[in-house]
Amino acid sequence: MFTGLIEDIGIVKNISQSQITVETKLGSIAVGDSVSVNGVCLTAVSVNPGNFTADYSPHTDKITDLSSLKPNSKVNLERALQLSSRLGGHIVNGHIDATAKIEKIEKTDRFFKINFSCPENIIKYCVDKGSIAVDGISLTVSNAGLSGFEVYIIPETFDNTALKYKKAGDLVNIETDILAKYIEKFTSGKNAGGITLDMLKENGF
């Protein structure tokens, strides 16, 4: 599990045959550790001074932007959350739902406004002021539309993540809020457990 607070901008050294090697300044990575690479939870299978290597499955390749990476691509990195750590972002599993496309990046004073277009399975979990992970970065949705969403990026986040290397037309990995998915399951269809609009009204909701 992760928080969405990026620790380092890594550099892809090699990517081929469902395996990626990333150069990083992060220490304390051991074989078997989980590392978020652009929001994708990967397991380190080999660790050397200054880099680590991880495998990724064909399914992961299909639903993420990993296949678009190449040597020298910049990627966001975060090590797995420790129980003693502060949860400064939100709960991020590293399980990507889909990719979204950057439609526009606009600088507004010191901030950056980014508009994304994305499929329906992303849109339905986007709400104003809700949490979303973009390439592993914990962000707040400033506006949720019918075909995409918008976020504002503070200078600290923009300068210290790989977002500063992105441009309109680029794809990013999206993970929606896991809590929203559980709520949907528990309140819909056969999983509703008796929860209805009338029942909620009767109980003051």
C-alpha atoms as a PDB file:
ATOM      1  CA  MET A   1       0.000   0.000   0.000  1.00  0.00           C
ATOM      2  CA  PHE A   2       1.135   3.545  -0.766  1.00  0.00           C
ATOM      3  CA  THR A   3       0.193   7.130   0.069  1.00  0.00           C
ATOM      4  CA  GLY A   4       0.629   8.814  -3.304  1.00  0.00           C
ATOM      5  CA  LEU A   5       3.447  11.037  -2.039  1.00  0.00           C
ATOM      6  CA  ILE A   6       6.295  10.641  -4.527  1.00  0.00           C
ATOM      7  CA  GLU A   7       9.751  10.019  -3.076  1.00  0.00           C
ATOM      8  CA  ASP A   8      11.941  10.151  -6.160  1.00  0.00           C
ATOM      9  CA  ILE A   9      11.901  10.676  -9.925  1.00  0.00           C
ATOM     10  CA  GLY A  10      13.515   7.547 -11.323  1.00  0.00           C
ATOM     11  CA  ILE A  11      15.058   7.050 -14.742  1.00  0.00           C
ATOM     12  CA  VAL A  12      14.259   3.987 -16.822  1.00  0.00           C
ATOM     13  CA  LYS A  13      17.528   2.271 -17.748  1.00  0.00           C
ATOM     14  CA  ASN A  14      16.041  -0.661 -19.611  1.00  0.00           C
ATOM     15  CA  ILE A  15      12.592  -2.013 -20.376  1.00  0.00           C
ATOM     16  CA  SER A  16      11.960  -5.153 -22.407  1.00  0.00           C
ATOM     17  CA  GLN A  17      10.272  -8.546 -22.228  1.00  0.00           C
ATOM     18  CA  SER A  18       7.986  -7.522 -19.336  1.00  0.00           C
ATOM     19  CA  GLN A  19      10.873  -6.374 -17.175  1.00  0.00           C
ATOM     20  CA  ILE A  20      11.934  -2.854 -16.195  1.00  0.00           C
ATOM     21  CA  THR A  21      15.110  -1.539 -14.595  1.00  0.00           C
ATOM     22  CA  VAL A  22      14.941   1.859 -12.925  1.00  0.00           C
ATOM     23  CA  GLU A  23      17.740   4.067 -11.649  1.00  0.00           C
ATOM     24  CA  THR A  24      16.917   5.708  -8.321  1.00  0.00           C
ATOM     25  CA  LYS A  25      18.419   7.585  -5.405  1.00  0.00           C
ATOM     26  CA  LEU A  26      16.164   5.695  -2.992  1.00  0.00           C
ATOM     27  CA  GLY A  27      17.839   3.347  -0.586  1.00  0.00           C
ATOM     28  CA  SER A  28      16.457   0.524   1.544  1.00  0.00           C
ATOM     29  CA  ILE A  29      14.955  -1.350  -1.418  1.00  0.00           C
ATOM     30  CA  ALA A  30      15.382  -5.103  -1.090  1.00  0.00           C
ATOM     31  CA  VAL A  31      14.450  -8.034  -3.289  1.00  0.00           C
ATOM     32  CA  GLY A  32      10.754  -8.730  -2.756  1.00  0.00           C
ATOM     33  CA  ASP A  33       9.871  -5.146  -1.811  1.00  0.00           C
ATOM     34  CA  SER A  34       6.926  -3.400  -3.448  1.00  0.00           C
ATOM     35  CA  VAL A  35       7.719  -0.178  -5.284  1.00  0.00           C
ATOM     36  CA  SER A  36       5.219   2.087  -7.010  1.00  0.00           C
ATOM     37  CA  VAL A  37       6.466   2.960 -10.512  1.00  0.00           C
ATOM     38  CA  ASN A  38       4.191   5.616 -12.047  1.00  0.00           C
ATOM     39  CA  GLY A  39       1.510   4.300  -9.729  1.00  0.00           C
ATOM     40  CA  VAL A  40       1.987   0.637 -10.691  1.00  0.00           C
ATOM     41  CA  CYS A  41       2.803  -1.635  -7.762  1.00  0.00           C
ATOM     42  CA  LEU A  42       5.796  -3.733  -8.837  1.00  0.00           C
ATOM     43  CA  THR A  43       7.971  -6.197  -6.940  1.00  0.00           C
ATOM     44  CA  ALA A  44      11.742  -5.762  -6.980  1.00  0.00           C
ATOM     45  CA  VAL A  45      13.294  -8.986  -8.291  1.00  0.00           C
ATOM     46  CA  SER A  46      16.860  -7.678  -8.427  1.00  0.00           C
ATOM     47  CA  VAL A  47      18.523  -4.798  -6.572  1.00  0.00           C
ATOM     48  CA  ASN A  48      21.893  -3.233  -7.338  1.00  0.00           C
ATOM     49  CA  PRO A  49      23.511  -0.020  -6.065  1.00  0.00           C
ATOM     50  CA  GLY A  50      21.494   2.808  -7.596  1.00  0.00           C
ATOM     51  CA  ASN A  51      18.842   0.721  -9.396  1.00  0.00           C
ATOM     52  CA  PHE A  52      16.322  -2.074  -9.135  1.00  0.00           C
ATOM     53  CA  THR A  53      14.613  -4.414 -11.595  1.00  0.00           C
ATOM     54  CA  ALA A  54      10.976  -5.549 -11.532  1.00  0.00           C
ATOM     55  CA  ASP A  55       8.794  -7.814 -13.637  1.00  0.00           C
ATOM     56  CA  TYR A  56       5.292  -6.909 -14.817  1.00  0.00           C
ATOM     57  CA  SER A  57       2.587  -9.146 -16.213  1.00  0.00           C
ATOM     58  CA  PRO A  58       0.916  -8.970 -19.660  1.00  0.00           C
ATOM     59  CA  HIS A  59      -2.258  -7.766 -17.898  1.00  0.00           C
ATOM     60  CA  THR A  60      -0.352  -4.907 -16.253  1.00  0.00           C
ATOM     61  CA  ASP A  61       1.198  -4.037 -19.596  1.00  0.00           C
ATOM     62  CA  LYS A  62      -2.247  -3.917 -21.196  1.00  0.00           C
ATOM     63  CA  ILE A  63      -3.926  -1.528 -18.754  1.00  0.00           C
ATOM     64  CA  THR A  64      -1.019   0.804 -17.907  1.00  0.00           C
ATOM     65  CA  ASP A  65       1.353   3.087 -19.784  1.00  0.00           C
ATOM     66  CA  LEU A  66       4.418   0.933 -19.056  1.00  0.00           C
ATOM     67  CA  SER A  67       4.697  -0.128 -22.700  1.00  0.00           C
ATOM     68  CA  SER A  68       5.118   3.523 -23.708  1.00  0.00           C
ATOM     69  CA  LEU A  69       8.192   3.938 -21.523  1.00  0.00           C
ATOM     70  CA  LYS A  70      11.679   3.747 -22.988  1.00  0.00           C
ATOM     71  CA  PRO A  71      15.244   4.197 -21.736  1.00  0.00           C
ATOM     72  CA  ASN A  72      15.678   7.613 -20.044  1.00  0.00           C
ATOM     73  CA  SER A  73      11.931   8.012 -19.413  1.00  0.00           C
ATOM     74  CA  LYS A  74      11.263   9.675 -16.055  1.00  0.00           C
ATOM     75  CA  VAL A  75       8.983   7.816 -13.627  1.00  0.00           C
ATOM     76  CA  ASN A  76       7.479   8.549 -10.211  1.00  0.00           C
ATOM     77  CA  LEU A  77       8.702   6.260  -7.430  1.00  0.00           C
ATOM     78  CA  GLU A  78       7.361   5.526  -3.969  1.00  0.00           C
ATOM     79  CA  ARG A  79       8.295   2.781  -1.554  1.00  0.00           C
ATOM     80  CA  ALA A  80       5.550   0.872   0.236  1.00  0.00           C
ATOM     81  CA  LEU A  81       3.938   2.472   3.270  1.00  0.00           C
ATOM     82  CA  GLN A  82       5.265   1.475   6.693  1.00  0.00           C
ATOM     83  CA  LEU A  83       2.874   1.197   9.631  1.00  0.00           C
ATOM     84  CA  SER A  84       4.767   3.969  11.419  1.00  0.00           C
ATOM     85  CA  SER A  85       4.455   6.376   8.472  1.00  0.00           C
ATOM     86  CA  ARG A  86       2.093   9.331   8.217  1.00  0.00           C
ATOM     87  CA  LEU A  87      -0.694   8.834   5.680  1.00  0.00           C
ATOM     88  CA  GLY A  88      -0.168  12.222   4.034  1.00  0.00           C
ATOM     89  CA  GLY A  89      -1.949  11.472   0.759  1.00  0.00           C
ATOM     90  CA  HIS A  90      -4.677   8.837   0.520  1.00  0.00           C
ATOM     91  CA  ILE A  91      -4.826   5.040   0.400  1.00  0.00           C
ATOM     92  CA  VAL A  92      -3.240   3.966  -2.903  1.00  0.00           C
ATOM     93  CA  ASN A  93      -2.993   0.260  -3.742  1.00  0.00           C
ATOM     94  CA  GLY A  94      -0.870   0.507  -6.872  1.00  0.00           C
ATOM     95  CA  HIS A  95      -3.520  -1.380  -8.870  1.00  0.00           C
ATOM     96  CA  ILE A  96      -4.195   0.676 -11.992  1.00  0.00           C
ATOM     97  CA  ASP A  97      -7.762   0.963 -13.306  1.00  0.00           C
ATOM     98  CA  ALA A  98      -6.979   2.439 -16.724  1.00  0.00           C
ATOM     99  CA  THR A  99      -5.010   5.170 -18.453  1.00  0.00           C
ATOM    100  CA  ALA A 100      -6.147   8.731 -19.062  1.00  0.00           C
ATOM    101  CA  LYS A 101      -4.941  11.210 -21.664  1.00  0.00           C
ATOM    102  CA  ILE A 102      -3.668  14.662 -20.834  1.00  0.00           C
ATOM    103  CA  GLU A 103      -5.770  17.101 -22.848  1.00  0.00           C
ATOM    104  CA  LYS A 104      -4.307  20.378 -21.627  1.00  0.00           C
ATOM    105  CA  ILE A 105      -1.713  21.718 -19.189  1.00  0.00           C
ATOM    106  CA  GLU A 106      -2.236  25.336 -18.249  1.00  0.00           C
ATOM    107  CA  LYS A 107      -0.166  27.444 -15.846  1.00  0.00           C
ATOM    108  CA  THR A 108      -2.288  29.652 -13.607  1.00  0.00           C
ATOM    109  CA  ASP A 109      -0.157  31.973 -11.504  1.00  0.00           C
ATOM    110  CA  ARG A 110       2.149  29.535  -9.668  1.00  0.00           C
ATOM    111  CA  PHE A 111      -0.156  26.571 -10.128  1.00  0.00           C
ATOM    112  CA  PHE A 112      -0.747  24.146 -12.993  1.00  0.00           C
ATOM    113  CA  LYS A 113      -4.203  23.083 -14.126  1.00  0.00           C
ATOM    114  CA  ILE A 114      -4.317  19.767 -15.963  1.00  0.00           C
ATOM    115  CA  ASN A 115      -7.318  18.404 -17.838  1.00  0.00           C
ATOM    116  CA  PHE A 116      -7.621  14.672 -18.497  1.00  0.00           C
ATOM    117  CA  SER A 117      -9.956  12.638 -20.685  1.00  0.00           C
ATOM    118  CA  CYS A 118     -10.652   9.097 -19.521  1.00  0.00           C
ATOM    119  CA  PRO A 119     -13.022   6.123 -19.927  1.00  0.00           C
ATOM    120  CA  GLU A 120     -16.317   5.694 -18.098  1.00  0.00           C
ATOM    121  CA  ASN A 121     -14.884   3.261 -15.542  1.00  0.00           C
ATOM    122  CA  ILE A 122     -12.745   6.162 -14.280  1.00  0.00           C
ATOM    123  CA  ILE A 123     -15.348   8.923 -14.598  1.00  0.00           C
ATOM    124  CA  LYS A 124     -17.912   7.180 -12.393  1.00  0.00           C
ATOM    125  CA  TYR A 125     -15.535   7.320  -9.424  1.00  0.00           C
ATOM    126  CA  CYS A 126     -14.518  10.961  -9.927  1.00  0.00           C
ATOM    127  CA  VAL A 127     -16.188  13.500  -7.668  1.00  0.00           C
ATOM    128  CA  ASP A 128     -15.335  17.108  -6.930  1.00  0.00           C
ATOM    129  CA  LYS A 129     -12.809  17.278  -4.075  1.00  0.00           C
ATOM    130  CA  GLY A 130     -12.356  13.505  -4.221  1.00  0.00           C
ATOM    131  CA  SER A 131      -9.003  11.722  -4.263  1.00  0.00           C
ATOM    132  CA  ILE A 132      -7.400  10.193  -7.344  1.00  0.00           C
ATOM    133  CA  ALA A 133      -3.923   8.818  -8.084  1.00  0.00           C
ATOM    134  CA  VAL A 134      -2.320  10.009 -11.336  1.00  0.00           C
ATOM    135  CA  ASP A 135       0.919   8.160 -12.148  1.00  0.00           C
ATOM    136  CA  GLY A 136       1.007   7.316  -8.447  1.00  0.00           C
ATOM    137  CA  ILE A 137       0.556  10.917  -7.269  1.00  0.00           C
ATOM    138  CA  SER A 138      -2.183  11.566  -4.739  1.00  0.00           C
ATOM    139  CA  LEU A 139      -4.250  14.433  -6.168  1.00  0.00           C
ATOM    140  CA  THR A 140      -7.599  16.103  -5.541  1.00  0.00           C
ATOM    141  CA  VAL A 141     -10.183  16.330  -8.311  1.00  0.00           C
ATOM    142  CA  SER A 142     -11.078  20.014  -8.729  1.00  0.00           C
ATOM    143  CA  ASN A 143     -13.750  19.352 -11.339  1.00  0.00           C
ATOM    144  CA  ALA A 144     -15.332  16.090 -12.530  1.00  0.00           C
ATOM    145  CA  GLY A 145     -16.981  16.210 -15.947  1.00  0.00           C
ATOM    146  CA  LEU A 146     -18.806  13.794 -18.224  1.00  0.00           C
ATOM    147  CA  SER A 147     -15.720  12.738 -20.175  1.00  0.00           C
ATOM    148  CA  GLY A 148     -12.828  13.634 -17.922  1.00  0.00           C
ATOM    149  CA  PHE A 149     -11.596  15.459 -14.852  1.00  0.00           C
ATOM    150  CA  GLU A 150      -9.404  18.374 -13.836  1.00  0.00           C
ATOM    151  CA  VAL A 151      -6.769  18.801 -11.142  1.00  0.00           C
ATOM    152  CA  TYR A 152      -4.680  21.683  -9.862  1.00  0.00           C
ATOM    153  CA  ILE A 153      -1.026  20.951  -9.134  1.00  0.00           C
ATOM    154  CA  ILE A 154       0.881  22.939  -6.530  1.00  0.00           C
ATOM    155  CA  PRO A 155       4.473  23.962  -7.425  1.00  0.00           C
ATOM    156  CA  GLU A 156       5.946  21.512  -4.887  1.00  0.00           C
ATOM    157  CA  THR A 157       4.209  18.553  -6.542  1.00  0.00           C
ATOM    158  CA  PHE A 158       4.906  19.721 -10.097  1.00  0.00           C
ATOM    159  CA  ASP A 159       8.618  20.323  -9.464  1.00  0.00           C
ATOM    160  CA  ASN A 160       9.217  17.043  -7.614  1.00  0.00           C
ATOM    161  CA  THR A 161       7.345  14.541  -9.776  1.00  0.00           C
ATOM    162  CA  ALA A 162       7.567  13.361 -13.373  1.00  0.00           C
ATOM    163  CA  LEU A 163       4.496  15.471 -14.216  1.00  0.00           C
ATOM    164  CA  LYS A 164       6.844  18.296 -15.175  1.00  0.00           C
ATOM    165  CA  TYR A 165       8.018  16.171 -18.116  1.00  0.00           C
ATOM    166  CA  LYS A 166       4.484  15.469 -19.386  1.00  0.00           C
ATOM    167  CA  LYS A 167       2.734  17.202 -22.281  1.00  0.00           C
ATOM    168  CA  ALA A 168      -0.692  17.245 -23.909  1.00  0.00           C
ATOM    169  CA  GLY A 169      -1.409  13.887 -25.544  1.00  0.00           C
ATOM    170  CA  ASP A 170       0.612  11.832 -23.058  1.00  0.00           C
ATOM    171  CA  LEU A 171      -1.012   8.932 -21.209  1.00  0.00           C
ATOM    172  CA  VAL A 172      -0.957   8.570 -17.432  1.00  0.00           C
ATOM    173  CA  ASN A 173      -1.910   5.727 -15.112  1.00  0.00           C
ATOM    174  CA  ILE A 174      -5.060   6.224 -13.061  1.00  0.00           C
ATOM    175  CA  GLU A 175      -6.128   4.561  -9.837  1.00  0.00           C
ATOM    176  CA  THR A 176      -9.463   5.673  -8.412  1.00  0.00           C
ATOM    177  CA  ASP A 177     -10.330   5.767  -4.733  1.00  0.00           C
ATOM    178  CA  ILE A 178     -10.655   2.216  -3.367  1.00  0.00           C
ATOM    179  CA  LEU A 179     -13.184   3.404  -0.756  1.00  0.00           C
ATOM    180  CA  ALA A 180     -15.535   4.534  -3.531  1.00  0.00           C
ATOM    181  CA  LYS A 181     -15.376   1.063  -5.097  1.00  0.00           C
ATOM    182  CA  TYR A 182     -16.283  -0.663  -1.828  1.00  0.00           C
ATOM    183  CA  ILE A 183     -19.165   1.732  -1.215  1.00  0.00           C
ATOM    184  CA  GLU A 184     -20.478   1.066  -4.729  1.00  0.00           C
ATOM    185  CA  LYS A 185     -20.343  -2.694  -4.185  1.00  0.00           C
ATOM    186  CA  PHE A 186     -21.980  -2.614  -0.783  1.00  0.00           C
ATOM    187  CA  THR A 187     -24.834  -0.364  -1.919  1.00  0.00           C
ATOM    188  CA  SER A 188     -25.679  -1.832  -5.308  1.00  0.00           C
ATOM    189  CA  GLY A 189     -27.527  -4.896  -6.575  1.00  0.00           C
ATOM    190  CA  LYS A 190     -27.440  -8.111  -4.596  1.00  0.00           C
ATOM    191  CA  ASN A 191     -24.648  -6.707  -2.410  1.00  0.00           C
ATOM    192  CA  ALA A 192     -26.789  -3.854  -1.137  1.00  0.00           C
ATOM    193  CA  GLY A 193     -27.758  -5.729   2.043  1.00  0.00           C
ATOM    194  CA  GLY A 194     -31.086  -3.950   2.317  1.00  0.00           C
ATOM    195  CA  ILE A 195     -29.662  -0.465   1.761  1.00  0.00           C
ATOM    196  CA  THR A 196     -32.147   1.567  -0.239  1.00  0.00           C
ATOM    197  CA  LEU A 197     -32.840   5.265  -0.752  1.00  0.00           C
ATOM    198  CA  ASP A 198     -35.932   4.988   1.460  1.00  0.00           C
ATOM    199  CA  MET A 199     -33.974   3.222   4.203  1.00  0.00           C
ATOM    200  CA  LEU A 200     -31.296   5.941   4.162  1.00  0.00           C
ATOM    201  CA  LYS A 201     -33.936   8.681   4.373  1.00  0.00           C
ATOM    202  CA  GLU A 202     -35.656   6.930   7.269  1.00  0.00           C
ATOM    203  CA  ASN A 203     -32.357   6.853   9.158  1.00  0.00           C
ATOM    204  CA  GLY A 204     -31.549  10.504   8.640  1.00  0.00           C
ATOM    205  CA  PHE A 205     -29.205  10.301   5.650  1.00  0.00           C
END
